[in-house]
Structures are given as structure tokens and as C-alpha cells.
Amino acid sequence: MNNKTLKQINKLLKRGLSLDGIGVNNWAFSKESALNILDRFEELQVTILGGDVLELINGNIQHNYDNWYCNKLPDETDIEFARRSIIVAREYIKKYYINDVSKILFCFVLE
């Protein structure tokens, strides 16, 4: 991955809510924002190893311990893995039941 792509990825991630306050060097996104970022990650061929679901409880961000992951298959190329990892992430986020959209956030674990 070249330096320009890394800068684009960082710019996208920094649109999210910083998780520094809970000791995590990452950003979290609403369901809608997470799905939009996946579209851009797909264009950049970013591989997503998995992700976590967080909740806003009384104004505090907390892990709710829901997550997903995607492992590379033995005969899969890097590009195939990147594409499939986006599909796995998109399907997980789309299907994730949310009672109150203002309280659920998603963060990504990138390769």
C-alpha cells in the first residue's frame, strides 16, 4: 500500500469518533457512516480483518463485545481477500440489529 493510499485511509478514519478516551487508537462510526466508508475502502482495496461494535451508554463509549472477523483463505489472492473482507464487513453491519441508531457504533480492524 502506498503512502498516498495510507493518507486517504487515515483521512477517512479521522471522520469518525475517536476512541482515544477508552484507550483505543481507532475511530468509530454510525451504521450509515460505516457503510459509506466501506464503499471507499472497496475503491482503495483496503483489507478489513474484522471489527468491533461499541455502544454509547450514558454518554460513554463501551465495547459491547459483538464483533466480526475475516481470515484469508489458503488460495486467495490479496485482492480477492480485500474484496471478500469488505463483503463480510458490509453484511455484518447491514444485518446488525440496532434498536437505537444513536447508541451503536462500529470500528474497523484493518490489515
PDB file of N, CA and C in Angstrom:
ATOM      1  N   MET A   1       0.848  -1.168   0.000  1.00  0.00           N
ATOM      2  CA  MET A   1       0.000   0.000   0.000  1.00  0.00           C
ATOM      3  C   MET A   1       0.898   1.238   0.000  1.00  0.00           C
ATOM      4  N   ASN A   2       0.617   2.152  -0.897  1.00  0.00           N
ATOM      5  CA  ASN A   2       1.484   3.321  -1.000  1.00  0.00           C
ATOM      6  C   ASN A   2       1.089   4.404   0.008  1.00  0.00           C
ATOM      7  N   ASN A   3       1.970   5.384   0.133  1.00  0.00           N
ATOM      8  CA  ASN A   3       1.795   6.452   1.115  1.00  0.00           C
ATOM      9  C   ASN A   3       0.529   7.268   0.857  1.00  0.00           C
ATOM     10  N   LYS A   4       0.215   7.494  -0.413  1.00  0.00           N
ATOM     11  CA  LYS A   4      -0.982   8.257  -0.766  1.00  0.00           C
ATOM     12  C   LYS A   4      -2.245   7.534  -0.289  1.00  0.00           C
ATOM     13  N   THR A   5      -2.279   6.219  -0.492  1.00  0.00           N
ATOM     14  CA  THR A   5      -3.427   5.422  -0.052  1.00  0.00           C
ATOM     15  C   THR A   5      -3.554   5.451   1.467  1.00  0.00           C
ATOM     16  N   LEU A   6      -2.428   5.334   2.167  1.00  0.00           N
ATOM     17  CA  LEU A   6      -2.456   5.385   3.634  1.00  0.00           C
ATOM     18  C   LEU A   6      -3.012   6.717   4.129  1.00  0.00           C
ATOM     19  N   LYS A   7      -2.627   7.797   3.472  1.00  0.00           N
ATOM     20  CA  LYS A   7      -3.141   9.116   3.854  1.00  0.00           C
ATOM     21  C   LYS A   7      -4.645   9.202   3.625  1.00  0.00           C
ATOM     22  N   GLN A   8      -5.118   8.618   2.523  1.00  0.00           N
ATOM     23  CA  GLN A   8      -6.556   8.619   2.237  1.00  0.00           C
ATOM     24  C   GLN A   8      -7.318   7.812   3.289  1.00  0.00           C
ATOM     25  N   ILE A   9      -6.754   6.673   3.679  1.00  0.00           N
ATOM     26  CA  ILE A   9      -7.384   5.834   4.703  1.00  0.00           C
ATOM     27  C   ILE A   9      -7.453   6.588   6.029  1.00  0.00           C
ATOM     28  N   ASN A  10      -6.346   7.202   6.427  1.00  0.00           N
ATOM     29  CA  ASN A  10      -6.325   7.953   7.685  1.00  0.00           C
ATOM     30  C   ASN A  10      -7.316   9.108   7.664  1.00  0.00           C
ATOM     31  N   LYS A  11      -7.421   9.777   6.530  1.00  0.00           N
ATOM     32  CA  LYS A  11      -8.375  10.882   6.394  1.00  0.00           C
ATOM     33  C   LYS A  11      -9.810  10.377   6.577  1.00  0.00           C
ATOM     34  N   LEU A  12     -10.107   9.219   5.996  1.00  0.00           N
ATOM     35  CA  LEU A  12     -11.440   8.623   6.157  1.00  0.00           C
ATOM     36  C   LEU A  12     -11.714   8.252   7.612  1.00  0.00           C
ATOM     37  N   LEU A  13     -10.743   7.597   8.239  1.00  0.00           N
ATOM     38  CA  LEU A  13     -10.929   7.141   9.612  1.00  0.00           C
ATOM     39  C   LEU A  13     -11.138   8.303  10.570  1.00  0.00           C
ATOM     40  N   LYS A  14     -10.418   9.387  10.338  1.00  0.00           N
ATOM     41  CA  LYS A  14     -10.495  10.526  11.255  1.00  0.00           C
ATOM     42  C   LYS A  14     -11.828  11.261  11.188  1.00  0.00           C
ATOM     43  N   ARG A  15     -12.696  10.868  10.262  1.00  0.00           N
ATOM     44  CA  ARG A  15     -14.059  11.413  10.225  1.00  0.00           C
ATOM     45  C   ARG A  15     -14.909  10.829  11.344  1.00  0.00           C
ATOM     46  N   GLY A  16     -14.426   9.731  11.909  1.00  0.00           N
ATOM     47  CA  GLY A  16     -15.189   9.045  12.949  1.00  0.00           C
ATOM     48  C   GLY A  16     -14.975   9.638  14.324  1.00  0.00           C
ATOM     49  N   LEU A  17     -15.576   8.997  15.291  1.00  0.00           N
ATOM     50  CA  LEU A  17     -15.467   9.383  16.689  1.00  0.00           C
ATOM     51  C   LEU A  17     -14.224   8.720  17.274  1.00  0.00           C
ATOM     52  N   SER A  18     -13.296   9.530  17.780  1.00  0.00           N
ATOM     53  CA  SER A  18     -12.051   8.997  18.332  1.00  0.00           C
ATOM     54  C   SER A  18     -12.336   8.100  19.534  1.00  0.00           C
ATOM     55  N   LEU A  19     -11.594   7.004  19.601  1.00  0.00           N
ATOM     56  CA  LEU A  19     -11.719   6.078  20.732  1.00  0.00           C
ATOM     57  C   LEU A  19     -10.557   6.220  21.710  1.00  0.00           C
ATOM     58  N   ASP A  20      -9.784   7.302  21.569  1.00  0.00           N
ATOM     59  CA  ASP A  20      -8.660   7.542  22.481  1.00  0.00           C
ATOM     60  C   ASP A  20      -9.110   7.549  23.941  1.00  0.00           C
ATOM     61  N   GLY A  21     -10.314   8.050  24.181  1.00  0.00           N
ATOM     62  CA  GLY A  21     -10.833   8.147  25.544  1.00  0.00           C
ATOM     63  C   GLY A  21     -11.009   6.814  26.244  1.00  0.00           C
ATOM     64  N   ILE A  22     -11.085   5.738  25.464  1.00  0.00           N
ATOM     65  CA  ILE A  22     -11.185   4.399  26.070  1.00  0.00           C
ATOM     66  C   ILE A  22      -9.906   3.600  25.835  1.00  0.00           C
ATOM     67  N   GLY A  23      -8.838   4.331  25.470  1.00  0.00           N
ATOM     68  CA  GLY A  23      -7.530   3.703  25.318  1.00  0.00           C
ATOM     69  C   GLY A  23      -7.332   2.929  24.034  1.00  0.00           C
ATOM     70  N   VAL A  24      -8.098   3.270  23.006  1.00  0.00           N
ATOM     71  CA  VAL A  24      -8.002   2.568  21.727  1.00  0.00           C
ATOM     72  C   VAL A  24      -7.632   3.575  20.644  1.00  0.00           C
ATOM     73  N   ASN A  25      -6.591   3.277  19.884  1.00  0.00           N
ATOM     74  CA  ASN A  25      -6.163   4.148  18.790  1.00  0.00           C
ATOM     75  C   ASN A  25      -6.950   3.778  17.536  1.00  0.00           C
ATOM     76  N   ASN A  26      -8.209   4.210  17.516  1.00  0.00           N
ATOM     77  CA  ASN A  26      -9.088   3.891  16.399  1.00  0.00           C
ATOM     78  C   ASN A  26     -10.251   4.868  16.416  1.00  0.00           C
ATOM     79  N   TRP A  27     -11.140   4.732  15.452  1.00  0.00           N
ATOM     80  CA  TRP A  27     -12.297   5.607  15.342  1.00  0.00           C
ATOM     81  C   TRP A  27     -13.536   4.751  15.137  1.00  0.00           C
ATOM     82  N   ALA A  28     -14.664   5.249  15.603  1.00  0.00           N
ATOM     83  CA  ALA A  28     -15.925   4.523  15.485  1.00  0.00           C
ATOM     84  C   ALA A  28     -16.911   5.333  14.648  1.00  0.00           C
ATOM     85  N   PHE A  29     -17.850   4.609  14.035  1.00  0.00           N
ATOM     86  CA  PHE A  29     -18.776   5.209  13.083  1.00  0.00           C
ATOM     87  C   PHE A  29     -20.192   4.700  13.303  1.00  0.00           C
ATOM     88  N   SER A  30     -21.144   5.557  12.986  1.00  0.00           N
ATOM     89  CA  SER A  30     -22.538   5.122  12.968  1.00  0.00           C
ATOM     90  C   SER A  30     -22.688   4.066  11.873  1.00  0.00           C
ATOM     91  N   LYS A  31     -23.798   3.379  11.877  1.00  0.00           N
ATOM     92  CA  LYS A  31     -24.047   2.350  10.866  1.00  0.00           C
ATOM     93  C   LYS A  31     -23.968   2.944   9.462  1.00  0.00           C
ATOM     94  N   GLU A  32     -24.644   4.056   9.246  1.00  0.00           N
ATOM     95  CA  GLU A  32     -24.652   4.695   7.927  1.00  0.00           C
ATOM     96  C   GLU A  32     -23.251   5.128   7.498  1.00  0.00           C
ATOM     97  N   SER A  33     -22.513   5.748   8.403  1.00  0.00           N
ATOM     98  CA  SER A  33     -21.153   6.191   8.077  1.00  0.00           C
ATOM     99  C   SER A  33     -20.231   5.011   7.814  1.00  0.00           C
ATOM    100  N   ALA A  34     -20.374   3.950   8.612  1.00  0.00           N
ATOM    101  CA  ALA A  34     -19.539   2.761   8.422  1.00  0.00           C
ATOM    102  C   ALA A  34     -19.765   2.156   7.039  1.00  0.00           C
ATOM    103  N   LEU A  35     -21.013   2.078   6.622  1.00  0.00           N
ATOM    104  CA  LEU A  35     -21.315   1.526   5.296  1.00  0.00           C
ATOM    105  C   LEU A  35     -20.770   2.429   4.187  1.00  0.00           C
ATOM    106  N   ASN A  36     -20.837   3.730   4.370  1.00  0.00           N
ATOM    107  CA  ASN A  36     -20.274   4.656   3.382  1.00  0.00           C
ATOM    108  C   ASN A  36     -18.759   4.528   3.290  1.00  0.00           C
ATOM    109  N   ILE A  37     -18.107   4.375   4.428  1.00  0.00           N
ATOM    110  CA  ILE A  37     -16.650   4.227   4.433  1.00  0.00           C
ATOM    111  C   ILE A  37     -16.247   2.918   3.765  1.00  0.00           C
ATOM    112  N   LEU A  38     -17.045   1.875   3.935  1.00  0.00           N
ATOM    113  CA  LEU A  38     -16.747   0.607   3.266  1.00  0.00           C
ATOM    114  C   LEU A  38     -16.732   0.775   1.748  1.00  0.00           C
ATOM    115  N   ASP A  39     -17.609   1.609   1.216  1.00  0.00           N
ATOM    116  CA  ASP A  39     -17.599   1.869  -0.227  1.00  0.00           C
ATOM    117  C   ASP A  39     -16.263   2.454  -0.658  1.00  0.00           C
ATOM    118  N   ARG A  40     -15.757   3.371   0.119  1.00  0.00           N
ATOM    119  CA  ARG A  40     -14.463   3.998  -0.207  1.00  0.00           C
ATOM    120  C   ARG A  40     -13.313   3.010   0.007  1.00  0.00           C
ATOM    121  N   PHE A  41     -13.384   2.219   1.078  1.00  0.00           N
ATOM    122  CA  PHE A  41     -12.365   1.193   1.310  1.00  0.00           C
ATOM    123  C   PHE A  41     -12.314   0.216   0.143  1.00  0.00           C
ATOM    124  N   GLU A  42     -13.472  -0.098  -0.401  1.00  0.00           N
ATOM    125  CA  GLU A  42     -13.528  -1.017  -1.540  1.00  0.00           C
ATOM    126  C   GLU A  42     -12.763  -0.430  -2.727  1.00  0.00           C
ATOM    127  N   GLU A  43     -12.955   0.843  -2.999  1.00  0.00           N
ATOM    128  CA  GLU A  43     -12.235   1.510  -4.091  1.00  0.00           C
ATOM    129  C   GLU A  43     -10.729   1.496  -3.861  1.00  0.00           C
ATOM    130  N   LEU A  44     -10.318   1.635  -2.605  1.00  0.00           N
ATOM    131  CA  LEU A  44      -8.895   1.675  -2.256  1.00  0.00           C
ATOM    132  C   LEU A  44      -8.301   0.280  -2.054  1.00  0.00           C
ATOM    133  N   GLN A  45      -9.119  -0.755  -2.160  1.00  0.00           N
ATOM    134  CA  GLN A  45      -8.719  -2.152  -1.950  1.00  0.00           C
ATOM    135  C   GLN A  45      -8.121  -2.378  -0.557  1.00  0.00           C
ATOM    136  N   VAL A  46      -8.808  -1.829   0.433  1.00  0.00           N
ATOM    137  CA  VAL A  46      -8.399  -1.983   1.825  1.00  0.00           C
ATOM    138  C   VAL A  46      -8.920  -3.318   2.342  1.00  0.00           C
ATOM    139  N   THR A  47      -8.074  -4.053   3.051  1.00  0.00           N
ATOM    140  CA  THR A  47      -8.476  -5.313   3.665  1.00  0.00           C
ATOM    141  C   THR A  47      -8.918  -5.049   5.101  1.00  0.00           C
ATOM    142  N   ILE A  48     -10.078  -5.565   5.448  1.00  0.00           N
ATOM    143  CA  ILE A  48     -10.615  -5.415   6.799  1.00  0.00           C
ATOM    144  C   ILE A  48     -10.537  -6.771   7.483  1.00  0.00           C
ATOM    145  N   LEU A  49      -9.720  -6.854   8.518  1.00  0.00           N
ATOM    146  CA  LEU A  49      -9.550  -8.109   9.241  1.00  0.00           C
ATOM    147  C   LEU A  49     -10.734  -8.405  10.153  1.00  0.00           C
ATOM    148  N   GLY A  50     -11.483  -7.365  10.492  1.00  0.00           N
ATOM    149  CA  GLY A  50     -12.646  -7.527  11.350  1.00  0.00           C
ATOM    150  C   GLY A  50     -13.077  -6.191  11.897  1.00  0.00           C
ATOM    151  N   GLY A  51     -13.866  -6.250  12.945  1.00  0.00           N
ATOM    152  CA  GLY A  51     -14.329  -5.016  13.560  1.00  0.00           C
ATOM    153  C   GLY A  51     -15.057  -5.285  14.855  1.00  0.00           C
ATOM    154  N   ASP A  52     -15.303  -4.210  15.571  1.00  0.00           N
ATOM    155  CA  ASP A  52     -15.968  -4.276  16.864  1.00  0.00           C
ATOM    156  C   ASP A  52     -17.206  -3.397  16.861  1.00  0.00           C
ATOM    157  N   VAL A  53     -18.140  -3.762  17.711  1.00  0.00           N
ATOM    158  CA  VAL A  53     -19.345  -2.968  17.909  1.00  0.00           C
ATOM    159  C   VAL A  53     -19.237  -2.324  19.286  1.00  0.00           C
ATOM    160  N   LEU A  54     -19.537  -1.035  19.320  1.00  0.00           N
ATOM    161  CA  LEU A  54     -19.488  -0.290  20.574  1.00  0.00           C
ATOM    162  C   LEU A  54     -20.841   0.350  20.828  1.00  0.00           C
ATOM    163  N   GLU A  55     -21.069   0.710  22.096  1.00  0.00           N
ATOM    164  CA  GLU A  55     -22.328   1.354  22.467  1.00  0.00           C
ATOM    165  C   GLU A  55     -22.051   2.636  23.225  1.00  0.00           C
ATOM    166  N   LEU A  56     -22.910   3.613  23.011  1.00  0.00           N
ATOM    167  CA  LEU A  56     -22.904   4.829  23.822  1.00  0.00           C
ATOM    168  C   LEU A  56     -23.875   4.604  24.969  1.00  0.00           C
ATOM    169  N   ILE A  57     -23.328   4.536  26.177  1.00  0.00           N
ATOM    170  CA  ILE A  57     -24.149   4.312  27.367  1.00  0.00           C
ATOM    171  C   ILE A  57     -23.895   5.462  28.331  1.00  0.00           C
ATOM    172  N   ASN A  58     -24.934   6.217  28.602  1.00  0.00           N
ATOM    173  CA  ASN A  58     -24.817   7.402  29.469  1.00  0.00           C
ATOM    174  C   ASN A  58     -23.691   8.328  29.017  1.00  0.00           C
ATOM    175  N   GLY A  59     -23.551   8.478  27.705  1.00  0.00           N
ATOM    176  CA  GLY A  59     -22.537   9.370  27.148  1.00  0.00           C
ATOM    177  C   GLY A  59     -21.144   8.782  27.062  1.00  0.00           C
ATOM    178  N   ASN A  60     -20.969   7.544  27.500  1.00  0.00           N
ATOM    179  CA  ASN A  60     -19.661   6.885  27.467  1.00  0.00           C
ATOM    180  C   ASN A  60     -19.647   5.788  26.414  1.00  0.00           C
ATOM    181  N   ILE A  61     -18.536   5.700  25.689  1.00  0.00           N
ATOM    182  CA  ILE A  61     -18.377   4.642  24.691  1.00  0.00           C
ATOM    183  C   ILE A  61     -17.872   3.394  25.391  1.00  0.00           C
ATOM    184  N   GLN A  62     -18.555   2.270  25.132  1.00  0.00           N
ATOM    185  CA  GLN A  62     -18.161   0.999  25.730  1.00  0.00           C
ATOM    186  C   GLN A  62     -18.250  -0.108  24.694  1.00  0.00           C
ATOM    187  N   HIS A  63     -17.343  -1.075  24.807  1.00  0.00           N
ATOM    188  CA  HIS A  63     -17.441  -2.266  23.963  1.00  0.00           C
ATOM    189  C   HIS A  63     -18.660  -3.061  24.409  1.00  0.00           C
ATOM    190  N   ASN A  64     -19.404  -3.590  23.450  1.00  0.00           N
ATOM    191  CA  ASN A  64     -20.495  -4.492  23.831  1.00  0.00           C
ATOM    192  C   ASN A  64     -20.119  -5.947  23.525  1.00  0.00           C
ATOM    193  N   TYR A  65     -18.888  -6.143  23.067  1.00  0.00           N
ATOM    194  CA  TYR A  65     -18.286  -7.454  22.821  1.00  0.00           C
ATOM    195  C   TYR A  65     -18.856  -8.191  21.622  1.00  0.00           C
ATOM    196  N   ASP A  66     -19.627  -7.512  20.794  1.00  0.00           N
ATOM    197  CA  ASP A  66     -20.006  -8.068  19.496  1.00  0.00           C
ATOM    198  C   ASP A  66     -18.907  -7.692  18.512  1.00  0.00           C
ATOM    199  N   ASN A  67     -18.606  -8.596  17.599  1.00  0.00           N
ATOM    200  CA  ASN A  67     -17.546  -8.325  16.629  1.00  0.00           C
ATOM    201  C   ASN A  67     -17.658  -9.285  15.460  1.00  0.00           C
ATOM    202  N   TRP A  68     -16.837  -9.030  14.468  1.00  0.00           N
ATOM    203  CA  TRP A  68     -16.742  -9.937  13.330  1.00  0.00           C
ATOM    204  C   TRP A  68     -15.280 -10.008  12.916  1.00  0.00           C
ATOM    205  N   TYR A  69     -14.959 -11.044  12.142  1.00  0.00           N
ATOM    206  CA  TYR A  69     -13.593 -11.174  11.634  1.00  0.00           C
ATOM    207  C   TYR A  69     -13.632 -11.842  10.276  1.00  0.00           C
ATOM    208  N   CYS A  70     -12.529 -11.722   9.570  1.00  0.00           N
ATOM    209  CA  CYS A  70     -12.410 -12.325   8.247  1.00  0.00           C
ATOM    210  C   CYS A  70     -10.969 -12.787   8.069  1.00  0.00           C
ATOM    211  N   ASN A  71     -10.781 -14.082   7.907  1.00  0.00           N
ATOM    212  CA  ASN A  71      -9.447 -14.648   7.692  1.00  0.00           C
ATOM    213  C   ASN A  71      -9.217 -14.915   6.211  1.00  0.00           C
ATOM    214  N   LYS A  72      -7.992 -14.761   5.801  1.00  0.00           N
ATOM    215  CA  LYS A  72      -7.632 -15.034   4.410  1.00  0.00           C
ATOM    216  C   LYS A  72      -7.693 -16.540   4.160  1.00  0.00           C
ATOM    217  N   LEU A  73      -8.285 -16.907   3.035  1.00  0.00           N
ATOM    218  CA  LEU A  73      -8.364 -18.313   2.643  1.00  0.00           C
ATOM    219  C   LEU A  73      -7.040 -18.749   2.019  1.00  0.00           C
ATOM    220  N   PRO A  74      -6.703 -20.045   2.094  1.00  0.00           N
ATOM    221  CA  PRO A  74      -5.393 -20.518   1.633  1.00  0.00           C
ATOM    222  C   PRO A  74      -5.023 -20.129   0.196  1.00  0.00           C
ATOM    223  N   ASP A  75      -5.936 -20.229  -0.739  1.00  0.00           N
ATOM    224  CA  ASP A  75      -5.606 -19.951  -2.139  1.00  0.00           C
ATOM    225  C   ASP A  75      -6.082 -18.580  -2.610  1.00  0.00           C
ATOM    226  N   GLU A  76      -6.433 -17.734  -1.687  1.00  0.00           N
ATOM    227  CA  GLU A  76      -6.990 -16.423  -2.017  1.00  0.00           C
ATOM    228  C   GLU A  76      -5.870 -15.404  -2.248  1.00  0.00           C
ATOM    229  N   THR A  77      -5.993 -14.616  -3.309  1.00  0.00           N
ATOM    230  CA  THR A  77      -5.019 -13.540  -3.538  1.00  0.00           C
ATOM    231  C   THR A  77      -5.321 -12.392  -2.573  1.00  0.00           C
ATOM    232  N   ASP A  78      -4.372 -11.479  -2.445  1.00  0.00           N
ATOM    233  CA  ASP A  78      -4.581 -10.323  -1.572  1.00  0.00           C
ATOM    234  C   ASP A  78      -5.775  -9.488  -2.026  1.00  0.00           C
ATOM    235  N   ILE A  79      -5.925  -9.310  -3.322  1.00  0.00           N
ATOM    236  CA  ILE A  79      -7.038  -8.515  -3.853  1.00  0.00           C
ATOM    237  C   ILE A  79      -8.368  -9.227  -3.602  1.00  0.00           C
ATOM    238  N   GLU A  80      -8.396 -10.545  -3.798  1.00  0.00           N
ATOM    239  CA  GLU A  80      -9.622 -11.311  -3.526  1.00  0.00           C
ATOM    240  C   GLU A  80      -9.991 -11.218  -2.044  1.00  0.00           C
ATOM    241  N   PHE A  81      -8.975 -11.317  -1.188  1.00  0.00           N
ATOM    242  CA  PHE A  81      -9.213 -11.218   0.253  1.00  0.00           C
ATOM    243  C   PHE A  81      -9.756  -9.839   0.617  1.00  0.00           C
ATOM    244  N   ALA A  82      -9.176  -8.796   0.048  1.00  0.00           N
ATOM    245  CA  ALA A  82      -9.656  -7.433   0.320  1.00  0.00           C
ATOM    246  C   ALA A  82     -11.125  -7.300  -0.079  1.00  0.00           C
ATOM    247  N   ARG A  83     -11.462  -7.782  -1.260  1.00  0.00           N
ATOM    248  CA  ARG A  83     -12.856  -7.699  -1.732  1.00  0.00           C
ATOM    249  C   ARG A  83     -13.804  -8.465  -0.817  1.00  0.00           C
ATOM    250  N   ARG A  84     -13.408  -9.691  -0.471  1.00  0.00           N
ATOM    251  CA  ARG A  84     -14.270 -10.522   0.374  1.00  0.00           C
ATOM    252  C   ARG A  84     -14.398  -9.927   1.783  1.00  0.00           C
ATOM    253  N   SER A  85     -13.312  -9.359   2.291  1.00  0.00           N
ATOM    254  CA  SER A  85     -13.364  -8.779   3.637  1.00  0.00           C
ATOM    255  C   SER A  85     -14.337  -7.599   3.702  1.00  0.00           C
ATOM    256  N   ILE A  86     -14.436  -6.847   2.609  1.00  0.00           N
ATOM    257  CA  ILE A  86     -15.396  -5.741   2.532  1.00  0.00           C
ATOM    258  C   ILE A  86     -16.822  -6.300   2.533  1.00  0.00           C
ATOM    259  N   ILE A  87     -17.029  -7.370   1.777  1.00  0.00           N
ATOM    260  CA  ILE A  87     -18.354  -8.003   1.714  1.00  0.00           C
ATOM    261  C   ILE A  87     -18.766  -8.508   3.097  1.00  0.00           C
ATOM    262  N   VAL A  88     -17.843  -9.175   3.791  1.00  0.00           N
ATOM    263  CA  VAL A  88     -18.131  -9.706   5.128  1.00  0.00           C
ATOM    264  C   VAL A  88     -18.485  -8.563   6.083  1.00  0.00           C
ATOM    265  N   ALA A  89     -17.695  -7.502   6.064  1.00  0.00           N
ATOM    266  CA  ALA A  89     -17.952  -6.353   6.945  1.00  0.00           C
ATOM    267  C   ALA A  89     -19.294  -5.702   6.613  1.00  0.00           C
ATOM    268  N   ARG A  90     -19.543  -5.498   5.331  1.00  0.00           N
ATOM    269  CA  ARG A  90     -20.786  -4.842   4.905  1.00  0.00           C
ATOM    270  C   ARG A  90     -22.010  -5.659   5.343  1.00  0.00           C
ATOM    271  N   GLU A  91     -21.954  -6.971   5.128  1.00  0.00           N
ATOM    272  CA  GLU A  91     -23.081  -7.825   5.504  1.00  0.00           C
ATOM    273  C   GLU A  91     -23.302  -7.828   7.015  1.00  0.00           C
ATOM    274  N   TYR A  92     -22.207  -7.877   7.780  1.00  0.00           N
ATOM    275  CA  TYR A  92     -22.338  -7.876   9.241  1.00  0.00           C
ATOM    276  C   TYR A  92     -23.009  -6.586   9.709  1.00  0.00           C
ATOM    277  N   ILE A  93     -22.517  -5.460   9.205  1.00  0.00           N
ATOM    278  CA  ILE A  93     -23.048  -4.164   9.638  1.00  0.00           C
ATOM    279  C   ILE A  93     -24.494  -3.987   9.181  1.00  0.00           C
ATOM    280  N   LYS A  94     -24.794  -4.364   7.945  1.00  0.00           N
ATOM    281  CA  LYS A  94     -26.170  -4.232   7.444  1.00  0.00           C
ATOM    282  C   LYS A  94     -27.150  -5.054   8.273  1.00  0.00           C
ATOM    283  N   LYS A  95     -26.750  -6.263   8.647  1.00  0.00           N
ATOM    284  CA  LYS A  95     -27.649  -7.176   9.358  1.00  0.00           C
ATOM    285  C   LYS A  95     -27.696  -6.934  10.867  1.00  0.00           C
ATOM    286  N   TYR A  96     -26.777  -6.113  11.377  1.00  0.00           N
ATOM    287  CA  TYR A  96     -26.711  -5.906  12.822  1.00  0.00           C
ATOM    288  C   TYR A  96     -27.960  -5.166  13.288  1.00  0.00           C
ATOM    289  N   TYR A  97     -28.703  -5.787  14.178  1.00  0.00           N
ATOM    290  CA  TYR A  97     -29.939  -5.178  14.670  1.00  0.00           C
ATOM    291  C   TYR A  97     -29.604  -4.020  15.609  1.00  0.00           C
ATOM    292  N   ILE A  98     -30.203  -2.885  15.332  1.00  0.00           N
ATOM    293  CA  ILE A  98     -29.993  -1.704  16.166  1.00  0.00           C
ATOM    294  C   ILE A  98     -31.354  -1.165  16.591  1.00  0.00           C
ATOM    295  N   ASN A  99     -31.563  -1.142  17.886  1.00  0.00           N
ATOM    296  CA  ASN A  99     -32.797  -0.598  18.436  1.00  0.00           C
ATOM    297  C   ASN A  99     -32.764   0.930  18.426  1.00  0.00           C
ATOM    298  N   ASP A 100     -31.617   1.500  18.777  1.00  0.00           N
ATOM    299  CA  ASP A 100     -31.447   2.959  18.821  1.00  0.00           C
ATOM    300  C   ASP A 100     -30.175   3.306  18.057  1.00  0.00           C
ATOM    301  N   VAL A 101     -30.325   3.803  16.831  1.00  0.00           N
ATOM    302  CA  VAL A 101     -29.167   4.050  15.956  1.00  0.00           C
ATOM    303  C   VAL A 101     -28.183   5.046  16.541  1.00  0.00           C
ATOM    304  N   SER A 102     -28.615   5.878  17.464  1.00  0.00           N
ATOM    305  CA  SER A 102     -27.704   6.866  18.042  1.00  0.00           C
ATOM    306  C   SER A 102     -26.777   6.256  19.088  1.00  0.00           C
ATOM    307  N   LYS A 103     -26.994   4.989  19.434  1.00  0.00           N
ATOM    308  CA  LYS A 103     -26.203   4.380  20.503  1.00  0.00           C
ATOM    309  C   LYS A 103     -25.240   3.289  20.044  1.00  0.00           C
ATOM    310  N   ILE A 104     -25.267   2.908  18.778  1.00  0.00           N
ATOM    311  CA  ILE A 104     -24.404   1.831  18.292  1.00  0.00           C
ATOM    312  C   ILE A 104     -23.370   2.397  17.326  1.00  0.00           C
ATOM    313  N   LEU A 105     -22.128   1.967  17.515  1.00  0.00           N
ATOM    314  CA  LEU A 105     -21.009   2.396  16.672  1.00  0.00           C
ATOM    315  C   LEU A 105     -20.220   1.180  16.219  1.00  0.00           C
ATOM    316  N   PHE A 106     -19.555   1.323  15.089  1.00  0.00           N
ATOM    317  CA  PHE A 106     -18.721   0.255  14.540  1.00  0.00           C
ATOM    318  C   PHE A 106     -17.307   0.784  14.336  1.00  0.00           C
ATOM    319  N   CYS A 107     -16.318  -0.047  14.628  1.00  0.00           N
ATOM    320  CA  CYS A 107     -14.940   0.318  14.292  1.00  0.00           C
ATOM    321  C   CYS A 107     -14.305  -0.844  13.529  1.00  0.00           C
ATOM    322  N   PHE A 108     -13.330  -0.505  12.712  1.00  0.00           N
ATOM    323  CA  PHE A 108     -12.700  -1.473  11.818  1.00  0.00           C
ATOM    324  C   PHE A 108     -11.292  -1.819  12.282  1.00  0.00           C
ATOM    325  N   VAL A 109     -10.923  -3.082  12.068  1.00  0.00           N
ATOM    326  CA  VAL A 109      -9.541  -3.526  12.248  1.00  0.00           C
ATOM    327  C   VAL A 109      -9.000  -3.766  10.844  1.00  0.00           C
ATOM    328  N   LEU A 110      -8.050  -2.941  10.449  1.00  0.00           N
ATOM    329  CA  LEU A 110      -7.515  -3.007   9.091  1.00  0.00           C
ATOM    330  C   LEU A 110      -6.208  -3.776   9.058  1.00  0.00           C
ATOM    331  N   GLU A 111      -5.917  -4.344   7.891  1.00  0.00           N
ATOM    332  CA  GLU A 111      -4.658  -5.065   7.715  1.00  0.00           C
ATOM    333  C   GLU A 111      -3.521  -4.069   7.657  1.00  0.00           C
TER     334      GLU A 111
END
